[in-house]
């Protein structure tokens, strides 16, 4: 093989890699996928309102509250959820999630006479414990093609968003940016935080 053939093959391989990388990066959101309903002018309507991120932050903060480590609100989990649902969830799951936000508010109004954002932290916690039990029962009885429970989605995204965020990985978990050598067996003392790396 001469140099010219080798260079053209390497360019072809690298070009395929770059094209493949682009497809991988955009694979989460197909180009023809719509986000939300179509407005009169044909442009897609945003799936979430500007206030929804703060609402989701409060739900996430109730799930992972601030203690001696930052809570989910400090990790901006609400904004993370809106991006993940908009960009990575199929339309059916987007609908379940956004309708679930409304259902959660309705359940709060029914339980305490207040919307979720108006409720005290104790009222929020009690409500989410009830909804979590409902979600567990639903998931145990659901058939293969039934959608996930909206609160299950919220919990999953809260955990994913929090523990992959800087505050979650570096302050709630133990994190070493450059860990060095591999140690297969490290002594664990009761109360030690889990490793992020």
N, C-alpha and C. Protein backbone atom coordinates (compact mmCIF):
# COMPACT_ATOMS: atom_id res chain seq x y z
N UNK A 1 0.86 -1.17 0.00
CA UNK A 1 0.00 0.00 0.00
C UNK A 1 0.90 1.23 0.00
N UNK A 2 0.57 2.19 -0.86
CA UNK A 2 1.38 3.42 -0.87
C UNK A 2 0.80 4.44 0.11
N UNK A 3 1.55 5.50 0.30
CA UNK A 3 1.19 6.53 1.28
C UNK A 3 -0.15 7.18 0.95
N UNK A 4 -0.39 7.44 -0.33
CA UNK A 4 -1.63 8.09 -0.75
C UNK A 4 -2.85 7.23 -0.39
N UNK A 5 -2.78 5.92 -0.64
CA UNK A 5 -3.88 5.01 -0.28
C UNK A 5 -4.10 4.99 1.23
N UNK A 6 -3.01 4.94 1.97
CA UNK A 6 -3.12 4.91 3.43
C UNK A 6 -3.79 6.19 3.95
N UNK A 7 -3.39 7.35 3.44
CA UNK A 7 -3.98 8.62 3.87
C UNK A 7 -5.46 8.70 3.50
N UNK A 8 -5.81 8.24 2.31
CA UNK A 8 -7.22 8.30 1.92
C UNK A 8 -8.07 7.38 2.79
N UNK A 9 -7.53 6.21 3.17
CA UNK A 9 -8.28 5.31 4.04
C UNK A 9 -8.43 5.88 5.45
N UNK A 10 -7.36 6.48 5.96
CA UNK A 10 -7.42 7.10 7.29
C UNK A 10 -8.44 8.25 7.26
N UNK A 11 -8.43 9.06 6.20
CA UNK A 11 -9.39 10.16 6.09
C UNK A 11 -10.82 9.63 6.03
N UNK A 12 -11.01 8.52 5.33
CA UNK A 12 -12.34 7.92 5.25
C UNK A 12 -12.79 7.42 6.62
N UNK A 13 -11.89 6.78 7.35
CA UNK A 13 -12.23 6.28 8.69
C UNK A 13 -12.54 7.44 9.62
N UNK A 14 -11.68 8.46 9.62
CA UNK A 14 -11.91 9.62 10.49
C UNK A 14 -13.16 10.38 10.09
N UNK A 15 -13.39 10.50 8.79
CA UNK A 15 -14.60 11.17 8.33
C UNK A 15 -15.85 10.42 8.78
N UNK A 16 -15.81 9.11 8.72
CA UNK A 16 -16.93 8.30 9.19
C UNK A 16 -17.14 8.46 10.68
N UNK A 17 -16.03 8.59 11.40
CA UNK A 17 -16.12 8.79 12.84
C UNK A 17 -16.78 10.11 13.16
N UNK A 18 -16.39 11.17 12.46
CA UNK A 18 -16.97 12.48 12.71
C UNK A 18 -18.46 12.48 12.36
N UNK A 19 -18.82 11.88 11.24
CA UNK A 19 -20.22 11.79 10.86
C UNK A 19 -20.98 10.96 11.89
N UNK A 20 -20.39 9.85 12.31
CA UNK A 20 -21.01 9.01 13.32
C UNK A 20 -21.17 9.74 14.64
N UNK A 21 -20.18 10.56 15.00
CA UNK A 21 -20.26 11.32 16.25
C UNK A 21 -21.41 12.30 16.20
N UNK A 22 -21.59 12.95 15.05
CA UNK A 22 -22.68 13.90 14.90
C UNK A 22 -24.02 13.19 15.05
N UNK A 23 -24.14 12.02 14.43
CA UNK A 23 -25.39 11.26 14.56
C UNK A 23 -25.60 10.81 16.00
N UNK A 24 -24.50 10.43 16.67
CA UNK A 24 -24.61 10.02 18.07
C UNK A 24 -25.07 11.19 18.94
N UNK A 25 -24.47 12.36 18.74
CA UNK A 25 -24.83 13.52 19.55
C UNK A 25 -26.25 13.99 19.29
N UNK A 26 -26.71 13.87 18.06
CA UNK A 26 -28.06 14.30 17.74
C UNK A 26 -29.06 13.15 17.85
N UNK A 27 -28.56 11.95 18.14
CA UNK A 27 -29.42 10.78 18.20
C UNK A 27 -30.49 10.86 19.28
N UNK A 28 -30.23 11.69 20.28
CA UNK A 28 -31.18 11.83 21.37
C UNK A 28 -32.43 12.56 20.91
N UNK A 29 -32.30 13.41 19.91
CA UNK A 29 -33.44 14.20 19.45
C UNK A 29 -33.47 14.18 17.93
N UNK A 30 -34.33 13.37 17.35
CA UNK A 30 -34.43 13.35 15.89
C UNK A 30 -34.84 14.70 15.34
N UNK A 31 -34.33 15.03 14.17
CA UNK A 31 -34.58 16.34 13.58
C UNK A 31 -36.06 16.58 13.30
N UNK A 32 -36.79 15.52 12.98
CA UNK A 32 -38.20 15.72 12.64
C UNK A 32 -39.11 15.64 13.87
N UNK A 33 -38.53 15.48 15.05
CA UNK A 33 -39.34 15.39 16.27
C UNK A 33 -39.85 16.76 16.66
N UNK A 34 -41.13 16.83 17.00
CA UNK A 34 -41.72 18.09 17.43
C UNK A 34 -41.64 18.19 18.94
N UNK A 35 -41.46 19.40 19.45
CA UNK A 35 -41.50 19.59 20.89
C UNK A 35 -42.75 20.38 21.20
N UNK A 36 -43.70 19.73 21.82
CA UNK A 36 -44.94 20.41 22.17
C UNK A 36 -45.87 20.51 20.98
N UNK A 37 -46.92 21.26 21.12
CA UNK A 37 -47.88 21.46 20.05
C UNK A 37 -47.38 22.52 19.08
N UNK A 38 -47.93 22.48 17.88
CA UNK A 38 -47.57 23.47 16.88
C UNK A 38 -48.42 24.73 17.06
N UNK A 39 -47.78 25.89 17.01
CA UNK A 39 -48.50 27.15 17.09
C UNK A 39 -49.12 27.44 15.73
N UNK A 40 -49.90 28.53 15.64
CA UNK A 40 -50.55 28.88 14.38
C UNK A 40 -49.56 29.17 13.27
N UNK A 41 -48.39 29.74 13.63
CA UNK A 41 -47.39 30.07 12.61
C UNK A 41 -46.52 28.89 12.22
N UNK A 42 -46.79 27.69 12.78
CA UNK A 42 -46.05 26.49 12.40
C UNK A 42 -44.82 26.24 13.25
N UNK A 43 -44.44 27.17 14.10
CA UNK A 43 -43.26 26.99 14.95
C UNK A 43 -43.67 26.18 16.18
N UNK A 44 -42.75 25.31 16.65
CA UNK A 44 -43.12 24.51 17.83
C UNK A 44 -43.25 25.37 19.08
N UNK A 45 -44.21 25.02 19.90
CA UNK A 45 -44.41 25.71 21.18
C UNK A 45 -43.54 25.02 22.21
N UNK A 46 -42.94 25.79 23.09
CA UNK A 46 -42.07 25.21 24.12
C UNK A 46 -42.86 24.24 24.99
N UNK A 47 -42.22 23.16 25.36
CA UNK A 47 -42.85 22.13 26.17
C UNK A 47 -43.03 22.60 27.61
N UNK A 48 -42.10 23.41 28.09
CA UNK A 48 -42.14 23.91 29.47
C UNK A 48 -42.20 25.42 29.49
N UNK A 49 -42.95 25.95 30.47
CA UNK A 49 -42.99 27.40 30.70
C UNK A 49 -41.74 27.80 31.49
N UNK A 50 -41.47 29.08 31.55
CA UNK A 50 -40.29 29.58 32.26
C UNK A 50 -40.34 29.22 33.75
N UNK A 51 -41.54 29.16 34.33
CA UNK A 51 -41.67 28.88 35.76
C UNK A 51 -41.57 27.39 36.09
N UNK A 52 -41.64 26.52 35.09
CA UNK A 52 -41.63 25.08 35.34
C UNK A 52 -40.31 24.59 35.93
N UNK A 53 -39.20 25.23 35.55
CA UNK A 53 -37.90 24.83 36.08
C UNK A 53 -37.85 25.04 37.60
N UNK A 54 -38.39 26.16 38.08
CA UNK A 54 -38.42 26.43 39.53
C UNK A 54 -39.34 25.43 40.23
N UNK A 55 -40.46 25.11 39.61
CA UNK A 55 -41.41 24.13 40.16
C UNK A 55 -40.73 22.76 40.29
N UNK A 56 -40.04 22.33 39.24
CA UNK A 56 -39.34 21.05 39.27
C UNK A 56 -38.18 21.07 40.26
N UNK A 57 -37.54 22.24 40.43
CA UNK A 57 -36.49 22.38 41.44
C UNK A 57 -37.04 22.10 42.84
N UNK A 58 -38.25 22.59 43.12
CA UNK A 58 -38.86 22.39 44.44
C UNK A 58 -39.24 20.92 44.65
N UNK A 59 -39.72 20.27 43.60
CA UNK A 59 -40.03 18.84 43.70
C UNK A 59 -38.74 18.07 43.98
N UNK A 60 -37.70 18.38 43.21
CA UNK A 60 -36.41 17.70 43.39
C UNK A 60 -35.81 17.97 44.76
N UNK A 61 -35.96 19.21 45.24
CA UNK A 61 -35.43 19.57 46.56
C UNK A 61 -36.16 18.81 47.67
N UNK A 62 -37.42 18.50 47.46
CA UNK A 62 -38.17 17.70 48.44
C UNK A 62 -37.66 16.26 48.43
N UNK A 63 -37.26 15.77 47.27
CA UNK A 63 -36.72 14.42 47.15
C UNK A 63 -35.30 14.36 47.73
N UNK A 64 -34.45 15.32 47.35
CA UNK A 64 -33.07 15.40 47.87
C UNK A 64 -32.89 16.78 48.49
N UNK A 65 -33.25 16.92 49.78
CA UNK A 65 -33.13 18.23 50.42
C UNK A 65 -31.68 18.55 50.81
N UNK A 66 -31.43 19.83 50.99
CA UNK A 66 -30.11 20.26 51.46
C UNK A 66 -29.95 19.85 52.92
N UNK A 67 -28.82 19.26 53.23
CA UNK A 67 -28.47 18.92 54.62
C UNK A 67 -27.09 19.50 54.85
N UNK A 68 -26.13 18.67 55.25
CA UNK A 68 -24.75 19.16 55.31
C UNK A 68 -24.13 19.18 53.92
N UNK A 69 -24.86 18.67 52.93
CA UNK A 69 -24.46 18.77 51.52
C UNK A 69 -25.55 19.53 50.77
N UNK A 70 -25.22 20.11 49.63
CA UNK A 70 -26.25 20.85 48.87
C UNK A 70 -27.38 19.94 48.42
N UNK A 71 -28.57 20.51 48.27
CA UNK A 71 -29.72 19.77 47.80
C UNK A 71 -29.85 19.84 46.29
N UNK A 72 -30.94 19.28 45.79
CA UNK A 72 -31.16 19.21 44.34
C UNK A 72 -31.34 20.59 43.72
N UNK A 73 -31.87 21.54 44.48
CA UNK A 73 -32.07 22.89 43.93
C UNK A 73 -30.72 23.54 43.63
N UNK A 74 -29.74 23.32 44.50
CA UNK A 74 -28.39 23.89 44.29
C UNK A 74 -27.75 23.30 43.03
N UNK A 75 -28.14 22.09 42.67
CA UNK A 75 -27.60 21.44 41.48
C UNK A 75 -28.39 21.80 40.22
N UNK A 76 -29.43 22.65 40.37
CA UNK A 76 -30.27 23.07 39.24
C UNK A 76 -30.88 21.87 38.51
N UNK A 77 -31.41 20.95 39.29
CA UNK A 77 -31.99 19.73 38.74
C UNK A 77 -33.25 20.03 37.93
N UNK A 78 -34.00 21.08 38.30
CA UNK A 78 -35.21 21.43 37.54
C UNK A 78 -34.89 21.75 36.09
N UNK A 79 -33.85 22.55 35.88
CA UNK A 79 -33.44 22.89 34.50
C UNK A 79 -32.96 21.64 33.76
N UNK A 80 -32.25 20.77 34.47
CA UNK A 80 -31.79 19.51 33.89
C UNK A 80 -32.98 18.68 33.41
N UNK A 81 -34.03 18.59 34.25
CA UNK A 81 -35.21 17.80 33.89
C UNK A 81 -35.87 18.35 32.63
N UNK A 82 -36.02 19.67 32.54
CA UNK A 82 -36.70 20.24 31.37
C UNK A 82 -35.93 19.92 30.09
N UNK A 83 -34.60 19.98 30.16
CA UNK A 83 -33.78 19.67 28.97
C UNK A 83 -33.90 18.19 28.62
N UNK A 84 -33.80 17.32 29.60
CA UNK A 84 -33.87 15.89 29.33
C UNK A 84 -35.22 15.47 28.76
N UNK A 85 -36.29 15.98 29.34
CA UNK A 85 -37.63 15.61 28.86
C UNK A 85 -37.84 16.15 27.45
N UNK A 86 -37.44 17.40 27.21
CA UNK A 86 -37.63 18.01 25.89
C UNK A 86 -36.79 17.32 24.82
N UNK A 87 -35.53 17.04 25.14
CA UNK A 87 -34.61 16.55 24.11
C UNK A 87 -34.53 15.03 23.99
N UNK A 88 -34.84 14.30 25.04
CA UNK A 88 -34.57 12.87 25.02
C UNK A 88 -35.78 11.96 25.20
N UNK A 89 -36.89 12.50 25.64
CA UNK A 89 -38.06 11.66 25.88
C UNK A 89 -38.93 11.60 24.63
N UNK A 90 -39.50 10.43 24.34
CA UNK A 90 -40.46 10.37 23.24
C UNK A 90 -41.71 11.18 23.59
N UNK A 91 -42.47 11.53 22.58
CA UNK A 91 -43.63 12.40 22.77
C UNK A 91 -44.62 11.86 23.80
N UNK A 92 -44.82 10.55 23.83
CA UNK A 92 -45.76 9.97 24.79
C UNK A 92 -45.28 10.18 26.23
N UNK A 93 -43.98 10.01 26.47
CA UNK A 93 -43.43 10.21 27.80
C UNK A 93 -43.42 11.70 28.18
N UNK A 94 -43.19 12.56 27.19
CA UNK A 94 -43.26 14.01 27.45
C UNK A 94 -44.65 14.37 27.96
N UNK A 95 -45.65 13.79 27.32
CA UNK A 95 -47.03 14.08 27.71
C UNK A 95 -47.31 13.58 29.12
N UNK A 96 -46.87 12.36 29.44
CA UNK A 96 -47.06 11.80 30.78
C UNK A 96 -46.38 12.71 31.81
N UNK A 97 -45.17 13.16 31.52
CA UNK A 97 -44.41 13.98 32.45
C UNK A 97 -45.08 15.33 32.68
N UNK A 98 -45.44 16.03 31.60
CA UNK A 98 -46.04 17.36 31.76
C UNK A 98 -47.43 17.28 32.39
N UNK A 99 -48.20 16.26 32.04
CA UNK A 99 -49.51 16.08 32.69
C UNK A 99 -49.32 15.70 34.16
N UNK A 100 -48.24 14.98 34.44
CA UNK A 100 -47.92 14.60 35.81
C UNK A 100 -47.63 15.80 36.69
N UNK A 101 -47.01 16.82 36.11
CA UNK A 101 -46.76 18.06 36.86
C UNK A 101 -48.09 18.67 37.31
N UNK A 102 -49.07 18.64 36.42
CA UNK A 102 -50.40 19.17 36.75
C UNK A 102 -51.10 18.28 37.79
N UNK A 103 -50.96 16.95 37.62
CA UNK A 103 -51.57 16.02 38.57
C UNK A 103 -51.00 16.20 39.97
N UNK A 104 -49.70 16.46 40.05
CA UNK A 104 -49.07 16.66 41.35
C UNK A 104 -49.65 17.90 42.03
N UNK A 105 -49.84 18.97 41.26
CA UNK A 105 -50.44 20.19 41.81
C UNK A 105 -51.89 19.93 42.26
N UNK A 106 -52.63 19.16 41.46
CA UNK A 106 -54.01 18.83 41.81
C UNK A 106 -54.06 18.01 43.10
N UNK A 107 -53.14 17.05 43.24
CA UNK A 107 -53.09 16.22 44.45
C UNK A 107 -52.74 17.07 45.66
N UNK A 108 -51.86 18.05 45.46
CA UNK A 108 -51.50 18.95 46.56
C UNK A 108 -52.69 19.79 46.98
N UNK A 109 -53.42 20.30 46.00
CA UNK A 109 -54.62 21.11 46.28
C UNK A 109 -55.67 20.29 47.01
N UNK A 110 -55.83 19.03 46.61
CA UNK A 110 -56.80 18.15 47.25
C UNK A 110 -56.40 17.82 48.68
N UNK A 111 -55.09 17.60 48.90
CA UNK A 111 -54.61 17.18 50.22
C UNK A 111 -54.55 18.33 51.22
N UNK A 112 -54.01 19.49 50.79
CA UNK A 112 -53.79 20.58 51.76
C UNK A 112 -54.55 21.87 51.43
N UNK A 113 -55.22 21.88 50.27
CA UNK A 113 -55.92 23.09 49.86
C UNK A 113 -55.01 24.13 49.24
N UNK A 114 -53.72 23.75 49.01
CA UNK A 114 -52.74 24.67 48.44
C UNK A 114 -52.02 23.99 47.28
N UNK A 115 -51.54 24.81 46.35
CA UNK A 115 -50.70 24.28 45.29
C UNK A 115 -49.37 23.83 45.89
N UNK A 116 -48.63 23.02 45.17
CA UNK A 116 -47.37 22.48 45.67
C UNK A 116 -46.41 23.60 46.06
N UNK A 117 -46.29 24.61 45.23
CA UNK A 117 -45.35 25.72 45.49
C UNK A 117 -45.76 26.53 46.72
N UNK A 118 -47.03 26.50 47.10
CA UNK A 118 -47.52 27.25 48.26
C UNK A 118 -47.43 26.43 49.54
N UNK A 119 -47.17 25.15 49.43
CA UNK A 119 -47.16 24.24 50.58
C UNK A 119 -45.86 24.36 51.37
N UNK A 120 -45.93 23.98 52.64
CA UNK A 120 -44.74 23.97 53.49
C UNK A 120 -43.88 22.76 53.13
N UNK A 121 -42.60 22.76 53.52
CA UNK A 121 -41.76 21.60 53.24
C UNK A 121 -42.32 20.29 53.82
N UNK A 122 -42.94 20.36 54.99
CA UNK A 122 -43.52 19.15 55.60
C UNK A 122 -44.70 18.65 54.78
N UNK A 123 -45.55 19.58 54.30
CA UNK A 123 -46.70 19.19 53.47
C UNK A 123 -46.22 18.60 52.15
N UNK A 124 -45.18 19.19 51.57
CA UNK A 124 -44.64 18.66 50.31
C UNK A 124 -44.12 17.25 50.50
N UNK A 125 -43.36 17.05 51.59
CA UNK A 125 -42.79 15.72 51.85
C UNK A 125 -43.89 14.69 52.04
N UNK A 126 -44.91 15.01 52.82
CA UNK A 126 -46.02 14.07 53.04
C UNK A 126 -46.73 13.73 51.74
N UNK A 127 -46.94 14.74 50.89
CA UNK A 127 -47.58 14.52 49.60
C UNK A 127 -46.74 13.60 48.72
N UNK A 128 -45.44 13.87 48.63
CA UNK A 128 -44.58 13.06 47.75
C UNK A 128 -44.43 11.63 48.26
N UNK A 129 -44.51 11.44 49.57
CA UNK A 129 -44.48 10.07 50.10
C UNK A 129 -45.72 9.30 49.63
N UNK A 130 -46.88 9.95 49.66
CA UNK A 130 -48.12 9.31 49.17
C UNK A 130 -48.04 9.01 47.68
N UNK A 131 -47.56 9.99 46.91
CA UNK A 131 -47.48 9.80 45.45
C UNK A 131 -46.44 8.74 45.11
N UNK A 132 -45.36 8.67 45.89
CA UNK A 132 -44.34 7.65 45.66
C UNK A 132 -44.92 6.26 45.89
N UNK A 133 -45.74 6.10 46.91
CA UNK A 133 -46.39 4.80 47.16
C UNK A 133 -47.32 4.46 46.00
N UNK A 134 -48.07 5.47 45.54
CA UNK A 134 -48.96 5.27 44.38
C UNK A 134 -48.16 4.83 43.16
N UNK A 135 -47.00 5.47 42.94
CA UNK A 135 -46.15 5.14 41.79
C UNK A 135 -45.60 3.73 41.90
N UNK A 136 -45.19 3.32 43.11
CA UNK A 136 -44.68 1.96 43.30
C UNK A 136 -45.76 0.93 43.01
N UNK A 137 -46.97 1.18 43.51
CA UNK A 137 -48.09 0.26 43.24
C UNK A 137 -48.40 0.19 41.75
N UNK A 138 -48.38 1.35 41.10
CA UNK A 138 -48.65 1.41 39.66
C UNK A 138 -47.59 0.63 38.88
N UNK A 139 -46.32 0.85 39.22
CA UNK A 139 -45.23 0.20 38.49
C UNK A 139 -45.25 -1.32 38.72
N UNK A 140 -45.68 -1.76 39.91
CA UNK A 140 -45.75 -3.20 40.19
C UNK A 140 -46.85 -3.87 39.37
N UNK A 141 -47.94 -3.14 39.10
CA UNK A 141 -49.08 -3.72 38.40
C UNK A 141 -49.10 -3.39 36.91
N UNK A 142 -48.22 -2.52 36.44
CA UNK A 142 -48.30 -2.07 35.04
C UNK A 142 -47.93 -3.16 34.06
N UNK A 143 -48.56 -3.09 32.90
CA UNK A 143 -48.26 -4.02 31.81
C UNK A 143 -47.08 -3.48 31.02
N UNK A 144 -46.53 -4.29 30.18
CA UNK A 144 -45.32 -3.94 29.43
C UNK A 144 -45.47 -2.65 28.62
N UNK A 145 -46.61 -2.46 27.97
CA UNK A 145 -46.79 -1.30 27.09
C UNK A 145 -47.34 -0.07 27.80
N UNK A 146 -47.68 -0.19 29.09
CA UNK A 146 -48.18 0.97 29.83
C UNK A 146 -47.03 1.96 30.06
N UNK A 147 -47.34 3.25 30.07
CA UNK A 147 -46.27 4.24 30.32
C UNK A 147 -45.82 4.18 31.78
N UNK A 148 -44.63 4.75 32.04
CA UNK A 148 -44.16 4.86 33.41
C UNK A 148 -45.04 5.84 34.17
N UNK A 149 -45.01 5.75 35.47
CA UNK A 149 -45.72 6.72 36.31
C UNK A 149 -44.92 8.02 36.27
N UNK A 150 -45.60 9.15 36.21
CA UNK A 150 -44.91 10.44 36.10
C UNK A 150 -43.96 10.70 37.27
N UNK A 151 -44.33 10.26 38.47
CA UNK A 151 -43.46 10.54 39.61
C UNK A 151 -42.20 9.68 39.56
N UNK A 152 -42.32 8.49 38.99
CA UNK A 152 -41.13 7.65 38.80
C UNK A 152 -40.14 8.37 37.89
N UNK A 153 -40.64 8.98 36.82
CA UNK A 153 -39.78 9.74 35.91
C UNK A 153 -39.11 10.90 36.65
N UNK A 154 -39.89 11.61 37.45
CA UNK A 154 -39.35 12.76 38.20
C UNK A 154 -38.25 12.32 39.16
N UNK A 155 -38.48 11.20 39.86
CA UNK A 155 -37.46 10.70 40.79
C UNK A 155 -36.20 10.27 40.05
N UNK A 156 -36.37 9.56 38.95
CA UNK A 156 -35.21 9.10 38.18
C UNK A 156 -34.39 10.28 37.69
N UNK A 157 -35.06 11.29 37.14
CA UNK A 157 -34.35 12.46 36.64
C UNK A 157 -33.71 13.26 37.77
N UNK A 158 -34.36 13.29 38.93
CA UNK A 158 -33.78 13.99 40.08
C UNK A 158 -32.47 13.32 40.49
N UNK A 159 -32.49 12.01 40.60
CA UNK A 159 -31.28 11.29 41.00
C UNK A 159 -30.18 11.42 39.95
N UNK A 160 -30.54 11.25 38.69
CA UNK A 160 -29.56 11.37 37.62
C UNK A 160 -28.98 12.77 37.57
N UNK A 161 -29.84 13.77 37.60
CA UNK A 161 -29.37 15.16 37.53
C UNK A 161 -28.52 15.54 38.72
N UNK A 162 -28.90 15.09 39.90
CA UNK A 162 -28.16 15.47 41.10
C UNK A 162 -26.79 14.81 41.17
N UNK A 163 -26.75 13.50 41.00
CA UNK A 163 -25.49 12.79 41.19
C UNK A 163 -24.53 12.92 40.02
N UNK A 164 -24.97 13.50 38.90
CA UNK A 164 -24.05 13.81 37.81
C UNK A 164 -23.70 15.29 37.78
N UNK A 165 -24.25 16.07 38.72
CA UNK A 165 -23.92 17.50 38.80
C UNK A 165 -22.64 17.68 39.62
N UNK A 166 -22.05 18.85 39.53
CA UNK A 166 -20.84 19.13 40.31
C UNK A 166 -21.10 19.02 41.81
N UNK A 167 -22.14 19.69 42.35
CA UNK A 167 -22.36 19.56 43.80
C UNK A 167 -22.66 18.12 44.24
N UNK A 168 -23.42 17.40 43.44
CA UNK A 168 -23.76 16.03 43.79
C UNK A 168 -22.55 15.11 43.76
N UNK A 169 -21.74 15.22 42.71
CA UNK A 169 -20.58 14.34 42.55
C UNK A 169 -19.44 14.69 43.49
N UNK A 170 -19.25 15.98 43.79
CA UNK A 170 -18.09 16.38 44.58
C UNK A 170 -18.38 16.60 46.06
N UNK A 171 -19.65 16.88 46.41
CA UNK A 171 -19.95 17.15 47.81
C UNK A 171 -20.83 16.08 48.46
N UNK A 172 -21.73 15.47 47.71
CA UNK A 172 -22.55 14.40 48.26
C UNK A 172 -21.83 13.06 48.14
N UNK A 173 -21.02 12.91 47.12
CA UNK A 173 -20.21 11.71 46.92
C UNK A 173 -18.75 12.07 47.09
N UNK A 174 -17.88 11.08 47.17
CA UNK A 174 -16.43 11.35 47.19
C UNK A 174 -15.96 11.38 45.75
N UNK A 175 -15.11 12.32 45.44
CA UNK A 175 -14.69 12.52 44.06
C UNK A 175 -13.20 12.80 44.02
N UNK A 176 -12.48 12.09 43.18
CA UNK A 176 -11.08 12.36 42.93
C UNK A 176 -10.95 12.57 41.43
N UNK A 177 -10.56 13.80 41.04
CA UNK A 177 -10.50 14.13 39.60
C UNK A 177 -9.49 13.26 38.88
N UNK A 178 -8.34 13.03 39.47
CA UNK A 178 -7.31 12.17 38.89
C UNK A 178 -7.01 11.11 39.93
N UNK A 179 -7.68 9.96 39.85
CA UNK A 179 -7.59 9.01 40.94
C UNK A 179 -6.25 8.31 41.11
N UNK A 180 -5.39 8.28 40.09
CA UNK A 180 -4.11 7.59 40.23
C UNK A 180 -4.27 6.10 40.04
N UNK A 181 -3.56 5.33 40.87
CA UNK A 181 -3.57 3.87 40.68
C UNK A 181 -4.90 3.26 41.09
N UNK A 182 -5.16 2.09 40.56
CA UNK A 182 -6.39 1.37 40.89
C UNK A 182 -6.19 0.61 42.19
N UNK A 183 -7.12 0.79 43.10
CA UNK A 183 -7.11 0.03 44.33
C UNK A 183 -8.42 -0.74 44.40
N UNK A 184 -8.34 -2.04 44.29
CA UNK A 184 -9.53 -2.88 44.24
C UNK A 184 -10.24 -3.04 45.56
N UNK A 185 -9.53 -2.83 46.65
CA UNK A 185 -10.14 -3.02 47.96
C UNK A 185 -9.74 -1.84 48.85
N UNK A 186 -10.72 -0.99 49.15
CA UNK A 186 -10.49 0.17 50.01
C UNK A 186 -11.35 -0.01 51.25
N UNK A 187 -10.74 0.22 52.40
CA UNK A 187 -11.48 0.07 53.65
C UNK A 187 -12.66 1.03 53.68
N UNK A 188 -13.79 0.54 54.17
CA UNK A 188 -15.00 1.35 54.26
C UNK A 188 -15.39 1.46 55.73
N UNK A 189 -15.58 2.69 56.18
CA UNK A 189 -16.05 2.92 57.54
C UNK A 189 -17.50 3.35 57.46
N UNK A 190 -18.31 2.90 58.42
CA UNK A 190 -19.71 3.25 58.43
C UNK A 190 -19.85 4.78 58.39
N UNK A 191 -20.70 5.27 57.47
CA UNK A 191 -20.90 6.71 57.33
C UNK A 191 -20.10 7.33 56.20
N UNK A 192 -19.12 6.58 55.62
CA UNK A 192 -18.36 7.12 54.48
C UNK A 192 -19.29 7.33 53.30
N UNK A 193 -19.02 8.38 52.53
CA UNK A 193 -19.81 8.64 51.34
C UNK A 193 -19.39 7.69 50.22
N UNK A 194 -20.29 7.40 49.29
CA UNK A 194 -19.99 6.56 48.14
C UNK A 194 -19.06 7.32 47.20
N UNK A 195 -18.38 6.59 46.34
CA UNK A 195 -17.45 7.21 45.38
C UNK A 195 -18.19 7.61 44.11
N UNK A 196 -17.89 8.79 43.59
CA UNK A 196 -18.44 9.24 42.32
C UNK A 196 -17.52 8.81 41.17
N UNK A 197 -16.26 8.55 41.49
CA UNK A 197 -15.30 8.16 40.45
C UNK A 197 -14.83 6.75 40.65
